[in-house]
Amino acid sequence: MNEFLKGILDGINGLFNNYGWSIMAFTLLIRLCLTPFDYKSRVSMRKMNALQPEVAKLQKKYGKDQEKLNLKMSELYKRNHVSPMSSCLPLLLSMPILFAMFGAMRAIANEQMVAQTFDILLGNAPVMEPWLWIKNLWMPDSPFAPTWPDLSSLQMVSADVWASSFANLAPEARDTIATLLNVDPLVCFSGDHLKETINAIHTTMSSMPAYAEQVAKLPGWSFNLLIAQLDVNVHFNGLFILPLVAASSQMLMTKLQPTAPAANGTNQKPAGGGFMKWFFPLFSLYICAGQNAGFSLYWVTANLLSMVQTVVINRYLDHKEKLAGPATVDSTGADSLK
């Protein structure tokens, strides 16, 4: 799935010639594909809300017999063509896509970052992928991240990416890099030698004036957070906008998302709801602060599009219900929501 999404994104980039705009276009495409499922989910939740008077009657009549109550609830939902699980369908579909997109973004970022690293070693200016305020889309959108690849970013690249990228270089370039690093080109990026080679790469680049200037820290701008020390770079890569927008949009999404009644008809708030309200925004902030700006852009775009989609669908359903009149539930199973 990762390679499939990566191939689609690369194809879109052939049209836009910029991965930033390509990521946004690809995210829009994904949201459009998920729209029918999201619409069906919201219709189902409204149907379930319309059934609450009947649910209350069943709870009052069979409240002491949980097995009987569950059976009657199931019959009620079946007669009215309502599936409690349908409200979870968009999440079940979007989460695997999110994880696959994370893998695709990481694969593209790693390939681009390794290519930039080899350019630096060969004495060439690395080709950046800018987008608006971000100078290099394959590094985090943060004043604590340099524009050029640093040691921590290089250490996140797997051996297979290093090996394949190295093999794709011209023979002369491979020989030059192997000689510069004093490594065996046949095994230097294998699992056993990878850490040693990456350290040699970083040491060699650090001795280059151009690289040292790009990754230099701004004196007096160091923050000790106990679990990590953050240093502002002289040539920082971003303004930390995407991580902040990711967290704030995640919080707004939580407020916009309607809550469907539980399958047993109860209206009680789920345990830990307050925790989850803050967990997802903080998790978004953490992920987008440490990952490449390309993935952060995908996360933010997906959140913003999801909010717009939520507002549009809710207004359409409100208008539709207003024209049709209040929803009614027939004891034999017919209701007015379609």
C-alpha atoms as a PDB file:
ATOM      1  CA  MET A   1       0.000   0.000   0.000  1.00  0.00           C
ATOM      2  CA  ASN A   2       2.874   2.382   0.805  1.00  0.00           C
ATOM      3  CA  GLU A   3       4.407   1.899  -2.643  1.00  0.00           C
ATOM      4  CA  PHE A   4       0.998   2.267  -4.293  1.00  0.00           C
ATOM      5  CA  LEU A   5       0.344   5.629  -2.597  1.00  0.00           C
ATOM      6  CA  LYS A   6       3.911   6.712  -3.263  1.00  0.00           C
ATOM      7  CA  GLY A   7       3.440   5.945  -6.957  1.00  0.00           C
ATOM      8  CA  ILE A   8       0.235   8.006  -7.106  1.00  0.00           C
ATOM      9  CA  LEU A   9       1.886  10.919  -5.310  1.00  0.00           C
ATOM     10  CA  ASP A  10       4.891  10.794  -7.633  1.00  0.00           C
ATOM     11  CA  GLY A  11       2.497  10.823 -10.591  1.00  0.00           C
ATOM     12  CA  ILE A  12       0.647  13.876  -9.264  1.00  0.00           C
ATOM     13  CA  ASN A  13       3.984  15.576  -8.675  1.00  0.00           C
ATOM     14  CA  GLY A  14       4.708  15.140 -12.355  1.00  0.00           C
ATOM     15  CA  LEU A  15       1.848  17.578 -12.969  1.00  0.00           C
ATOM     16  CA  PHE A  16       2.543  20.123 -10.201  1.00  0.00           C
ATOM     17  CA  ASN A  17       6.336  19.796 -10.075  1.00  0.00           C
ATOM     18  CA  ASN A  18       6.199  20.568  -6.352  1.00  0.00           C
ATOM     19  CA  TYR A  19       5.576  17.991  -3.667  1.00  0.00           C
ATOM     20  CA  GLY A  20       3.906  20.519  -1.364  1.00  0.00           C
ATOM     21  CA  TRP A  21       1.048  21.253  -3.759  1.00  0.00           C
ATOM     22  CA  SER A  22       1.037  17.614  -4.880  1.00  0.00           C
ATOM     23  CA  ILE A  23       0.476  16.442  -1.296  1.00  0.00           C
ATOM     24  CA  MET A  24      -2.447  18.826  -0.919  1.00  0.00           C
ATOM     25  CA  ALA A  25      -3.976  17.670  -4.231  1.00  0.00           C
ATOM     26  CA  PHE A  26      -3.510  14.027  -3.252  1.00  0.00           C
ATOM     27  CA  THR A  27      -5.125  14.615   0.149  1.00  0.00           C
ATOM     28  CA  LEU A  28      -8.102  16.259  -1.565  1.00  0.00           C
ATOM     29  CA  LEU A  29      -8.411  13.204  -3.816  1.00  0.00           C
ATOM     30  CA  ILE A  30      -8.453  10.886  -0.796  1.00  0.00           C
ATOM     31  CA  ARG A  31     -11.108  12.951   0.995  1.00  0.00           C
ATOM     32  CA  LEU A  32     -13.303  12.964  -2.122  1.00  0.00           C
ATOM     33  CA  CYS A  33     -13.054   9.171  -2.289  1.00  0.00           C
ATOM     34  CA  LEU A  34     -14.079   8.899   1.376  1.00  0.00           C
ATOM     35  CA  THR A  35     -16.969  11.388   1.091  1.00  0.00           C
ATOM     36  CA  PRO A  36     -19.703   8.802   0.282  1.00  0.00           C
ATOM     37  CA  PHE A  37     -18.749   6.761   3.361  1.00  0.00           C
ATOM     38  CA  ASP A  38     -18.644   9.857   5.557  1.00  0.00           C
ATOM     39  CA  TYR A  39     -22.062  10.940   4.297  1.00  0.00           C
ATOM     40  CA  LYS A  40     -23.530   7.503   4.984  1.00  0.00           C
ATOM     41  CA  SER A  41     -22.047   7.568   8.480  1.00  0.00           C
ATOM     42  CA  ARG A  42     -23.662  10.898   9.342  1.00  0.00           C
ATOM     43  CA  VAL A  43     -27.040   9.800   7.989  1.00  0.00           C
ATOM     44  CA  SER A  44     -26.795   6.674  10.140  1.00  0.00           C
ATOM     45  CA  MET A  45     -25.993   8.726  13.249  1.00  0.00           C
ATOM     46  CA  ARG A  46     -29.018  10.944  12.642  1.00  0.00           C
ATOM     47  CA  LYS A  47     -31.218   7.891  12.239  1.00  0.00           C
ATOM     48  CA  MET A  48     -29.929   6.531  15.527  1.00  0.00           C
ATOM     49  CA  ASN A  49     -30.698   9.828  17.229  1.00  0.00           C
ATOM     50  CA  ALA A  50     -34.218   9.698  15.783  1.00  0.00           C
ATOM     51  CA  LEU A  51     -34.653   6.241  17.322  1.00  0.00           C
ATOM     52  CA  GLN A  52     -33.809   7.374  20.851  1.00  0.00           C
ATOM     53  CA  PRO A  53     -37.453   7.610  22.039  1.00  0.00           C
ATOM     54  CA  GLU A  54     -37.987   3.975  21.002  1.00  0.00           C
ATOM     55  CA  VAL A  55     -34.667   3.042  22.603  1.00  0.00           C
ATOM     56  CA  ALA A  56     -35.759   4.649  25.870  1.00  0.00           C
ATOM     57  CA  LYS A  57     -38.965   2.576  25.845  1.00  0.00           C
ATOM     58  CA  LEU A  58     -37.004  -0.632  25.345  1.00  0.00           C
ATOM     59  CA  GLN A  59     -34.603   0.281  28.145  1.00  0.00           C
ATOM     60  CA  LYS A  60     -37.496   0.933  30.484  1.00  0.00           C
ATOM     61  CA  LYS A  61     -39.202  -2.353  29.568  1.00  0.00           C
ATOM     62  CA  TYR A  62     -36.197  -4.674  29.385  1.00  0.00           C
ATOM     63  CA  GLY A  63     -33.626  -2.805  31.485  1.00  0.00           C
ATOM     64  CA  LYS A  64     -33.229  -5.694  33.927  1.00  0.00           C
ATOM     65  CA  ASP A  65     -32.682  -8.266  31.172  1.00  0.00           C
ATOM     66  CA  GLN A  66     -29.584  -7.193  29.239  1.00  0.00           C
ATOM     67  CA  GLU A  67     -29.720 -10.103  26.812  1.00  0.00           C
ATOM     68  CA  LYS A  68     -33.347  -9.385  25.939  1.00  0.00           C
ATOM     69  CA  LEU A  69     -32.603  -5.656  25.657  1.00  0.00           C
ATOM     70  CA  ASN A  70     -29.742  -6.289  23.227  1.00  0.00           C
ATOM     71  CA  LEU A  71     -31.975  -8.530  21.122  1.00  0.00           C
ATOM     72  CA  LYS A  72     -34.767  -5.941  20.968  1.00  0.00           C
ATOM     73  CA  MET A  73     -32.264  -3.183  20.189  1.00  0.00           C
ATOM     74  CA  SER A  74     -30.859  -5.246  17.341  1.00  0.00           C
ATOM     75  CA  GLU A  75     -34.354  -5.823  15.969  1.00  0.00           C
ATOM     76  CA  LEU A  76     -35.146  -2.107  16.208  1.00  0.00           C
ATOM     77  CA  TYR A  77     -32.033  -1.137  14.282  1.00  0.00           C
ATOM     78  CA  LYS A  78     -32.653  -3.840  11.689  1.00  0.00           C
ATOM     79  CA  ARG A  79     -36.265  -2.759  11.090  1.00  0.00           C
ATOM     80  CA  ASN A  80     -35.153   0.838  10.608  1.00  0.00           C
ATOM     81  CA  HIS A  81     -32.159  -0.104   8.427  1.00  0.00           C
ATOM     82  CA  VAL A  82     -29.647   1.355  10.858  1.00  0.00           C
ATOM     83  CA  SER A  83     -26.212  -0.092  11.533  1.00  0.00           C
ATOM     84  CA  PRO A  84     -24.404   1.241  14.628  1.00  0.00           C
ATOM     85  CA  MET A  85     -21.105   0.223  13.050  1.00  0.00           C
ATOM     86  CA  SER A  86     -21.655   2.388   9.969  1.00  0.00           C
ATOM     87  CA  SER A  87     -20.704   5.490  11.957  1.00  0.00           C
ATOM     88  CA  CYS A  88     -17.236   3.980  12.432  1.00  0.00           C
ATOM     89  CA  LEU A  89     -16.714   3.209   8.733  1.00  0.00           C
ATOM     90  CA  PRO A  90     -14.906   6.455   7.756  1.00  0.00           C
ATOM     91  CA  LEU A  91     -12.485   6.015  10.667  1.00  0.00           C
ATOM     92  CA  LEU A  92     -11.847   2.375   9.764  1.00  0.00           C
ATOM     93  CA  LEU A  93     -11.054   3.449   6.206  1.00  0.00           C
ATOM     94  CA  SER A  94      -9.095   6.628   6.925  1.00  0.00           C
ATOM     95  CA  MET A  95      -6.769   5.255   9.620  1.00  0.00           C
ATOM     96  CA  PRO A  96      -5.093   2.633   7.374  1.00  0.00           C
ATOM     97  CA  ILE A  97      -4.720   5.300   4.691  1.00  0.00           C
ATOM     98  CA  LEU A  98      -3.174   7.654   7.263  1.00  0.00           C
ATOM     99  CA  PHE A  99      -0.597   5.047   8.298  1.00  0.00           C
ATOM    100  CA  ALA A 100       0.096   4.101   4.678  1.00  0.00           C
ATOM    101  CA  MET A 101       0.497   7.769   3.782  1.00  0.00           C
ATOM    102  CA  PHE A 102       2.912   8.135   6.673  1.00  0.00           C
ATOM    103  CA  GLY A 103       4.969   5.311   5.190  1.00  0.00           C
ATOM    104  CA  ALA A 104       4.800   6.818   1.707  1.00  0.00           C
ATOM    105  CA  MET A 105       5.817  10.254   2.965  1.00  0.00           C
ATOM    106  CA  ARG A 106       8.686   8.768   4.940  1.00  0.00           C
ATOM    107  CA  ALA A 107       9.863   6.777   1.896  1.00  0.00           C
ATOM    108  CA  ILE A 108       9.851   9.842  -0.364  1.00  0.00           C
ATOM    109  CA  ALA A 109      11.472  12.020   2.305  1.00  0.00           C
ATOM    110  CA  ASN A 110      14.205   9.462   2.956  1.00  0.00           C
ATOM    111  CA  GLU A 111      15.003   9.093  -0.740  1.00  0.00           C
ATOM    112  CA  GLN A 112      15.153  12.852  -1.236  1.00  0.00           C
ATOM    113  CA  MET A 113      17.210  13.380   1.922  1.00  0.00           C
ATOM    114  CA  VAL A 114      19.763  10.727   0.915  1.00  0.00           C
ATOM    115  CA  ALA A 115      20.027  12.344  -2.530  1.00  0.00           C
ATOM    116  CA  GLN A 116      20.673  15.704  -0.848  1.00  0.00           C
ATOM    117  CA  THR A 117      23.321  14.087   1.365  1.00  0.00           C
ATOM    118  CA  PHE A 118      25.166  12.581  -1.601  1.00  0.00           C
ATOM    119  CA  ASP A 119      25.074  15.977  -3.338  1.00  0.00           C
ATOM    120  CA  ILE A 120      26.712  17.560  -0.296  1.00  0.00           C
ATOM    121  CA  LEU A 121      29.405  14.873  -0.175  1.00  0.00           C
ATOM    122  CA  LEU A 122      30.115  15.417  -3.877  1.00  0.00           C
ATOM    123  CA  GLY A 123      30.544  19.145  -3.287  1.00  0.00           C
ATOM    124  CA  ASN A 124      27.288  20.135  -4.970  1.00  0.00           C
ATOM    125  CA  ALA A 125      24.533  22.327  -3.557  1.00  0.00           C
ATOM    126  CA  PRO A 126      21.672  19.984  -2.570  1.00  0.00           C
ATOM    127  CA  VAL A 127      18.395  20.390  -4.442  1.00  0.00           C
ATOM    128  CA  MET A 128      15.781  21.629  -1.959  1.00  0.00           C
ATOM    129  CA  GLU A 129      12.015  21.086  -2.129  1.00  0.00           C
ATOM    130  CA  PRO A 130      10.583  24.406  -0.854  1.00  0.00           C
ATOM    131  CA  TRP A 131       6.952  25.172  -0.129  1.00  0.00           C
ATOM    132  CA  LEU A 132       5.810  28.635   1.001  1.00  0.00           C
ATOM    133  CA  TRP A 133       7.725  29.358   4.252  1.00  0.00           C
ATOM    134  CA  ILE A 134       9.349  25.895   4.367  1.00  0.00           C
ATOM    135  CA  LYS A 135      12.774  25.699   2.778  1.00  0.00           C
ATOM    136  CA  ASN A 136      13.079  21.909   2.606  1.00  0.00           C
ATOM    137  CA  LEU A 137       9.898  19.831   2.675  1.00  0.00           C
ATOM    138  CA  TRP A 138      11.833  16.730   3.784  1.00  0.00           C
ATOM    139  CA  MET A 139      12.915  18.240   7.092  1.00  0.00           C
ATOM    140  CA  PRO A 140      10.552  19.256   9.955  1.00  0.00           C
ATOM    141  CA  ASP A 141       8.738  22.577   9.850  1.00  0.00           C
ATOM    142  CA  SER A 142      10.596  23.923  12.864  1.00  0.00           C
ATOM    143  CA  PRO A 143      13.120  26.583  13.867  1.00  0.00           C
ATOM    144  CA  PHE A 144      14.884  23.733  15.712  1.00  0.00           C
ATOM    145  CA  ALA A 145      15.557  21.848  12.457  1.00  0.00           C
ATOM    146  CA  PRO A 146      18.164  22.857   9.874  1.00  0.00           C
ATOM    147  CA  THR A 147      17.393  23.055   6.196  1.00  0.00           C
ATOM    148  CA  TRP A 148      20.066  20.534   5.279  1.00  0.00           C
ATOM    149  CA  PRO A 149      19.932  16.945   6.626  1.00  0.00           C
ATOM    150  CA  ASP A 150      21.350  16.539  10.129  1.00  0.00           C
ATOM    151  CA  LEU A 151      22.598  13.465  11.972  1.00  0.00           C
ATOM    152  CA  SER A 152      19.297  12.621  13.666  1.00  0.00           C
ATOM    153  CA  SER A 153      17.464  12.731  10.313  1.00  0.00           C
ATOM    154  CA  LEU A 154      20.080  10.570   8.590  1.00  0.00           C
ATOM    155  CA  GLN A 155      19.886   7.971  11.350  1.00  0.00           C
ATOM    156  CA  MET A 156      16.164   7.509  10.649  1.00  0.00           C
ATOM    157  CA  VAL A 157      16.832   6.305   7.076  1.00  0.00           C
ATOM    158  CA  SER A 158      16.815   2.529   6.668  1.00  0.00           C
ATOM    159  CA  ALA A 159      19.685   0.558   5.138  1.00  0.00           C
ATOM    160  CA  ASP A 160      17.722  -0.415   2.011  1.00  0.00           C
ATOM    161  CA  VAL A 161      17.105   3.242   1.085  1.00  0.00           C
ATOM    162  CA  TRP A 162      20.777   4.075   1.532  1.00  0.00           C
ATOM    163  CA  ALA A 163      21.858   1.042  -0.502  1.00  0.00           C
ATOM    164  CA  SER A 164      19.417   1.589  -3.392  1.00  0.00           C
ATOM    165  CA  SER A 165      20.155   5.322  -3.621  1.00  0.00           C
ATOM    166  CA  PHE A 166      23.901   4.656  -3.558  1.00  0.00           C
ATOM    167  CA  ALA A 167      23.561   1.986  -6.254  1.00  0.00           C
ATOM    168  CA  ASN A 168      21.682   4.448  -8.503  1.00  0.00           C
ATOM    169  CA  LEU A 169      24.601   6.903  -8.485  1.00  0.00           C
ATOM    170  CA  ALA A 170      27.021   7.036 -11.391  1.00  0.00           C
ATOM    171  CA  PRO A 171      30.065   4.768 -10.872  1.00  0.00           C
ATOM    172  CA  GLU A 172      32.367   7.788 -10.608  1.00  0.00           C
ATOM    173  CA  ALA A 173      30.164   9.315  -7.889  1.00  0.00           C
ATOM    174  CA  ARG A 174      30.092   6.049  -5.921  1.00  0.00           C
ATOM    175  CA  ASP A 175      33.879   5.783  -6.067  1.00  0.00           C
ATOM    176  CA  THR A 176      34.291   9.407  -4.987  1.00  0.00           C
ATOM    177  CA  ILE A 177      31.994   8.990  -1.973  1.00  0.00           C
ATOM    178  CA  ALA A 178      33.582   5.667  -0.950  1.00  0.00           C
ATOM    179  CA  THR A 179      37.055   7.204  -1.125  1.00  0.00           C
ATOM    180  CA  LEU A 180      35.936  10.309   0.781  1.00  0.00           C
ATOM    181  CA  LEU A 181      34.402   8.213   3.565  1.00  0.00           C
ATOM    182  CA  ASN A 182      37.136   5.566   3.454  1.00  0.00           C
ATOM    183  CA  VAL A 183      34.557   2.760   3.280  1.00  0.00           C
ATOM    184  CA  ASP A 184      34.025  -0.353   1.191  1.00  0.00           C
ATOM    185  CA  PRO A 185      31.350   0.564  -1.398  1.00  0.00           C
ATOM    186  CA  LEU A 186      30.087  -3.037  -1.485  1.00  0.00           C
ATOM    187  CA  VAL A 187      29.137  -3.263   2.206  1.00  0.00           C
ATOM    188  CA  CYS A 188      29.170   0.303   3.536  1.00  0.00           C
ATOM    189  CA  PHE A 189      25.356   0.569   3.672  1.00  0.00           C
ATOM    190  CA  SER A 190      24.629  -2.952   4.882  1.00  0.00           C
ATOM    191  CA  GLY A 191      22.947  -3.394   8.257  1.00  0.00           C
ATOM    192  CA  ASP A 192      26.198  -4.204  10.069  1.00  0.00           C
ATOM    193  CA  HIS A 193      28.060  -1.172   8.731  1.00  0.00           C
ATOM    194  CA  LEU A 194      25.231   1.354   8.387  1.00  0.00           C
ATOM    195  CA  LYS A 195      25.692   3.174  11.712  1.00  0.00           C
ATOM    196  CA  GLU A 196      29.424   3.486  11.143  1.00  0.00           C
ATOM    197  CA  THR A 197      28.911   4.795   7.614  1.00  0.00           C
ATOM    198  CA  ILE A 198      26.302   7.372   8.687  1.00  0.00           C
ATOM    199  CA  ASN A 199      28.660   8.657  11.388  1.00  0.00           C
ATOM    200  CA  ALA A 200      31.418   8.910   8.768  1.00  0.00           C
ATOM    201  CA  ILE A 201      29.039  10.810   6.461  1.00  0.00           C
ATOM    202  CA  HIS A 202      28.098  13.286   9.172  1.00  0.00           C
ATOM    203  CA  THR A 203      31.720  13.773  10.266  1.00  0.00           C
ATOM    204  CA  THR A 204      32.804  14.382   6.665  1.00  0.00           C
ATOM    205  CA  MET A 205      29.986  16.834   5.970  1.00  0.00           C
ATOM    206  CA  SER A 206      30.636  18.683   9.239  1.00  0.00           C
ATOM    207  CA  SER A 207      34.165  19.382   8.044  1.00  0.00           C
ATOM    208  CA  MET A 208      32.774  21.167   4.991  1.00  0.00           C
ATOM    209  CA  PRO A 209      32.363  24.949   5.553  1.00  0.00           C
ATOM    210  CA  ALA A 210      29.115  25.167   3.580  1.00  0.00           C
ATOM    211  CA  TYR A 211      27.479  22.366   5.601  1.00  0.00           C
ATOM    212  CA  ALA A 212      28.790  23.663   8.923  1.00  0.00           C
ATOM    213  CA  GLU A 213      27.243  27.049   8.134  1.00  0.00           C
ATOM    214  CA  GLN A 214      23.861  25.497   7.252  1.00  0.00           C
ATOM    215  CA  VAL A 215      23.533  23.456  10.464  1.00  0.00           C
ATOM    216  CA  ALA A 216      24.998  26.065  12.828  1.00  0.00           C
ATOM    217  CA  LYS A 217      23.045  26.852  16.017  1.00  0.00           C
ATOM    218  CA  LEU A 218      22.005  30.355  17.008  1.00  0.00           C
ATOM    219  CA  PRO A 219      23.980  31.369  20.116  1.00  0.00           C
ATOM    220  CA  GLY A 220      21.868  31.982  23.195  1.00  0.00           C
ATOM    221  CA  TRP A 221      18.778  30.257  21.796  1.00  0.00           C
ATOM    222  CA  SER A 222      18.865  26.886  23.509  1.00  0.00           C
ATOM    223  CA  PHE A 223      15.939  25.397  25.457  1.00  0.00           C
ATOM    224  CA  ASN A 224      16.340  22.505  27.888  1.00  0.00           C
ATOM    225  CA  LEU A 225      13.047  20.579  28.176  1.00  0.00           C
ATOM    226  CA  LEU A 226      14.470  17.842  30.455  1.00  0.00           C
ATOM    227  CA  ILE A 227      13.569  15.121  27.936  1.00  0.00           C
ATOM    228  CA  ALA A 228      15.252  16.993  25.068  1.00  0.00           C
ATOM    229  CA  GLN A 229      17.327  20.066  24.322  1.00  0.00           C
ATOM    230  CA  LEU A 230      16.148  22.306  21.509  1.00  0.00           C
ATOM    231  CA  ASP A 231      18.541  24.642  19.709  1.00  0.00           C
ATOM    232  CA  VAL A 232      17.385  27.248  17.225  1.00  0.00           C
ATOM    233  CA  ASN A 233      19.237  26.960  13.931  1.00  0.00           C
ATOM    234  CA  VAL A 234      20.730  29.938  12.155  1.00  0.00           C
ATOM    235  CA  HIS A 235      19.299  28.623   8.886  1.00  0.00           C
ATOM    236  CA  PHE A 236      16.139  27.075  10.306  1.00  0.00           C
ATOM    237  CA  ASN A 237      13.812  25.129   8.063  1.00  0.00           C
ATOM    238  CA  GLY A 238      10.400  26.360   9.180  1.00  0.00           C
ATOM    239  CA  LEU A 239       8.344  28.426  11.613  1.00  0.00           C
ATOM    240  CA  PHE A 240       6.547  25.572  13.469  1.00  0.00           C
ATOM    241  CA  ILE A 241       3.303  26.574  11.776  1.00  0.00           C
ATOM    242  CA  LEU A 242       2.238  23.131  10.552  1.00  0.00           C
ATOM    243  CA  PRO A 243       2.580  21.405  13.967  1.00  0.00           C
ATOM    244  CA  LEU A 244       0.534  24.165  15.645  1.00  0.00           C
ATOM    245  CA  VAL A 245      -2.141  24.118  12.934  1.00  0.00           C
ATOM    246  CA  ALA A 246      -2.244  20.320  13.156  1.00  0.00           C
ATOM    247  CA  ALA A 247      -2.908  20.441  16.909  1.00  0.00           C
ATOM    248  CA  SER A 248      -5.489  23.244  16.749  1.00  0.00           C
ATOM    249  CA  SER A 249      -7.340  21.722  13.786  1.00  0.00           C
ATOM    250  CA  GLN A 250      -7.417  18.367  15.567  1.00  0.00           C
ATOM    251  CA  MET A 251      -9.058  20.032  18.542  1.00  0.00           C
ATOM    252  CA  LEU A 252     -11.633  21.756  16.320  1.00  0.00           C
ATOM    253  CA  MET A 253     -12.373  18.457  14.607  1.00  0.00           C
ATOM    254  CA  THR A 254     -13.157  16.895  17.982  1.00  0.00           C
ATOM    255  CA  LYS A 255     -15.765  19.586  18.615  1.00  0.00           C
ATOM    256  CA  LEU A 256     -17.286  19.336  15.150  1.00  0.00           C
ATOM    257  CA  GLN A 257     -17.573  15.573  15.050  1.00  0.00           C
ATOM    258  CA  PRO A 258     -21.060  14.434  16.133  1.00  0.00           C
ATOM    259  CA  THR A 259     -21.291  11.641  18.682  1.00  0.00           C
ATOM    260  CA  ALA A 260     -23.554   8.753  17.835  1.00  0.00           C
ATOM    261  CA  PRO A 261     -25.482   6.958  20.588  1.00  0.00           C
ATOM    262  CA  ALA A 262     -23.864   3.789  21.801  1.00  0.00           C
ATOM    263  CA  ALA A 263     -25.037   0.499  20.344  1.00  0.00           C
ATOM    264  CA  ASN A 264     -27.037  -0.234  23.502  1.00  0.00           C
ATOM    265  CA  GLY A 265     -28.785   3.120  23.184  1.00  0.00           C
ATOM    266  CA  THR A 266     -27.152   4.857  26.108  1.00  0.00           C
ATOM    267  CA  ASN A 267     -26.200   8.507  25.889  1.00  0.00           C
ATOM    268  CA  GLN A 268     -23.441   8.356  28.461  1.00  0.00           C
ATOM    269  CA  LYS A 269     -20.147   9.896  27.489  1.00  0.00           C
ATOM    270  CA  PRO A 270     -17.398   7.346  26.999  1.00  0.00           C
ATOM    271  CA  ALA A 271     -14.869   6.960  29.767  1.00  0.00           C
ATOM    272  CA  GLY A 272     -11.706   8.938  29.171  1.00  0.00           C
ATOM    273  CA  GLY A 273     -13.443  11.338  26.813  1.00  0.00           C
ATOM    274  CA  GLY A 274     -11.750  14.325  28.409  1.00  0.00           C
ATOM    275  CA  PHE A 275      -8.361  12.670  28.083  1.00  0.00           C
ATOM    276  CA  MET A 276      -8.905  11.811  24.415  1.00  0.00           C
ATOM    277  CA  LYS A 277     -10.008  15.386  23.739  1.00  0.00           C
ATOM    278  CA  TRP A 278      -6.512  16.566  24.627  1.00  0.00           C
ATOM    279  CA  PHE A 279      -4.588  13.455  23.602  1.00  0.00           C
ATOM    280  CA  PHE A 280      -5.182  13.727  19.853  1.00  0.00           C
ATOM    281  CA  PRO A 281      -4.197  17.426  19.550  1.00  0.00           C
ATOM    282  CA  LEU A 282      -1.055  16.820  21.629  1.00  0.00           C
ATOM    283  CA  PHE A 283      -0.273  13.681  19.649  1.00  0.00           C
ATOM    284  CA  SER A 284      -0.680  15.649  16.411  1.00  0.00           C
ATOM    285  CA  LEU A 285       1.672  18.326  17.724  1.00  0.00           C
ATOM    286  CA  TYR A 286       4.268  15.720  18.718  1.00  0.00           C
ATOM    287  CA  ILE A 287       4.137  13.805  15.437  1.00  0.00           C
ATOM    288  CA  CYS A 288       4.205  16.848  13.170  1.00  0.00           C
ATOM    289  CA  ALA A 289       6.982  18.515  15.176  1.00  0.00           C
ATOM    290  CA  GLY A 290       9.332  15.582  14.637  1.00  0.00           C
ATOM    291  CA  GLN A 291       8.381  14.347  11.162  1.00  0.00           C
ATOM    292  CA  ASN A 292       9.185  15.856   7.793  1.00  0.00           C
ATOM    293  CA  ALA A 293       7.109  18.844   6.758  1.00  0.00           C
ATOM    294  CA  GLY A 294       5.619  16.891   3.852  1.00  0.00           C
ATOM    295  CA  PHE A 295       3.808  14.527   6.194  1.00  0.00           C
ATOM    296  CA  SER A 296       2.793  17.419   8.455  1.00  0.00           C
ATOM    297  CA  LEU A 297       1.297  19.161   5.427  1.00  0.00           C
ATOM    298  CA  TYR A 298      -0.701  16.025   4.633  1.00  0.00           C
ATOM    299  CA  TRP A 299      -1.961  15.829   8.225  1.00  0.00           C
ATOM    300  CA  VAL A 300      -3.008  19.487   8.307  1.00  0.00           C
ATOM    301  CA  THR A 301      -4.657  19.381   4.877  1.00  0.00           C
ATOM    302  CA  ALA A 302      -6.588  16.234   5.805  1.00  0.00           C
ATOM    303  CA  ASN A 303      -7.846  17.888   9.013  1.00  0.00           C
ATOM    304  CA  LEU A 304      -8.925  21.094   7.287  1.00  0.00           C
ATOM    305  CA  LEU A 305     -10.673  19.241   4.461  1.00  0.00           C
ATOM    306  CA  SER A 306     -12.407  16.976   6.966  1.00  0.00           C
ATOM    307  CA  MET A 307     -13.737  20.003   8.861  1.00  0.00           C
ATOM    308  CA  VAL A 308     -15.038  21.612   5.669  1.00  0.00           C
ATOM    309  CA  GLN A 309     -16.615  18.307   4.661  1.00  0.00           C
ATOM    310  CA  THR A 310     -18.280  17.978   8.075  1.00  0.00           C
ATOM    311  CA  VAL A 311     -19.796  21.465   7.904  1.00  0.00           C
ATOM    312  CA  VAL A 312     -21.046  21.006   4.326  1.00  0.00           C
ATOM    313  CA  ILE A 313     -22.620  17.580   4.969  1.00  0.00           C
ATOM    314  CA  ASN A 314     -24.254  18.724   8.207  1.00  0.00           C
ATOM    315  CA  ARG A 315     -25.759  21.788   6.539  1.00  0.00           C
ATOM    316  CA  TYR A 316     -27.023  19.693   3.635  1.00  0.00           C
ATOM    317  CA  LEU A 317     -28.654  17.166   5.989  1.00  0.00           C
ATOM    318  CA  ASP A 318     -30.145  19.971   8.109  1.00  0.00           C
ATOM    319  CA  HIS A 319     -31.643  21.506   4.988  1.00  0.00           C
ATOM    320  CA  LYS A 320     -32.935  18.139   3.809  1.00  0.00           C
ATOM    321  CA  GLU A 321     -34.564  17.381   7.168  1.00  0.00           C
ATOM    322  CA  LYS A 322     -36.089  20.858   7.299  1.00  0.00           C
ATOM    323  CA  LEU A 323     -37.773  20.299   3.950  1.00  0.00           C
ATOM    324  CA  ALA A 324     -38.934  16.781   4.894  1.00  0.00           C
ATOM    325  CA  GLY A 325     -40.154  17.741   8.360  1.00  0.00           C
ATOM    326  CA  PRO A 326     -39.297  16.090  11.689  1.00  0.00           C
ATOM    327  CA  ALA A 327     -38.100  12.493  11.473  1.00  0.00           C
ATOM    328  CA  THR A 328     -40.638   9.926  12.594  1.00  0.00           C
ATOM    329  CA  VAL A 329     -40.189   6.298  13.524  1.00  0.00           C
ATOM    330  CA  ASP A 330     -42.843   3.715  12.735  1.00  0.00           C
ATOM    331  CA  SER A 331     -43.105   0.893  15.229  1.00  0.00           C
ATOM    332  CA  THR A 332     -43.092  -1.447  12.245  1.00  0.00           C
ATOM    333  CA  GLY A 333     -39.783  -0.022  11.063  1.00  0.00           C
ATOM    334  CA  ALA A 334     -40.468   2.825   8.592  1.00  0.00           C
ATOM    335  CA  ASP A 335     -38.843   6.163   9.232  1.00  0.00           C
ATOM    336  CA  SER A 336     -38.580   9.318   7.187  1.00  0.00           C
ATOM    337  CA  LEU A 337     -34.780   9.522   6.926  1.00  0.00           C
ATOM    338  CA  LYS A 338     -33.392   8.116   3.693  1.00  0.00           C
END
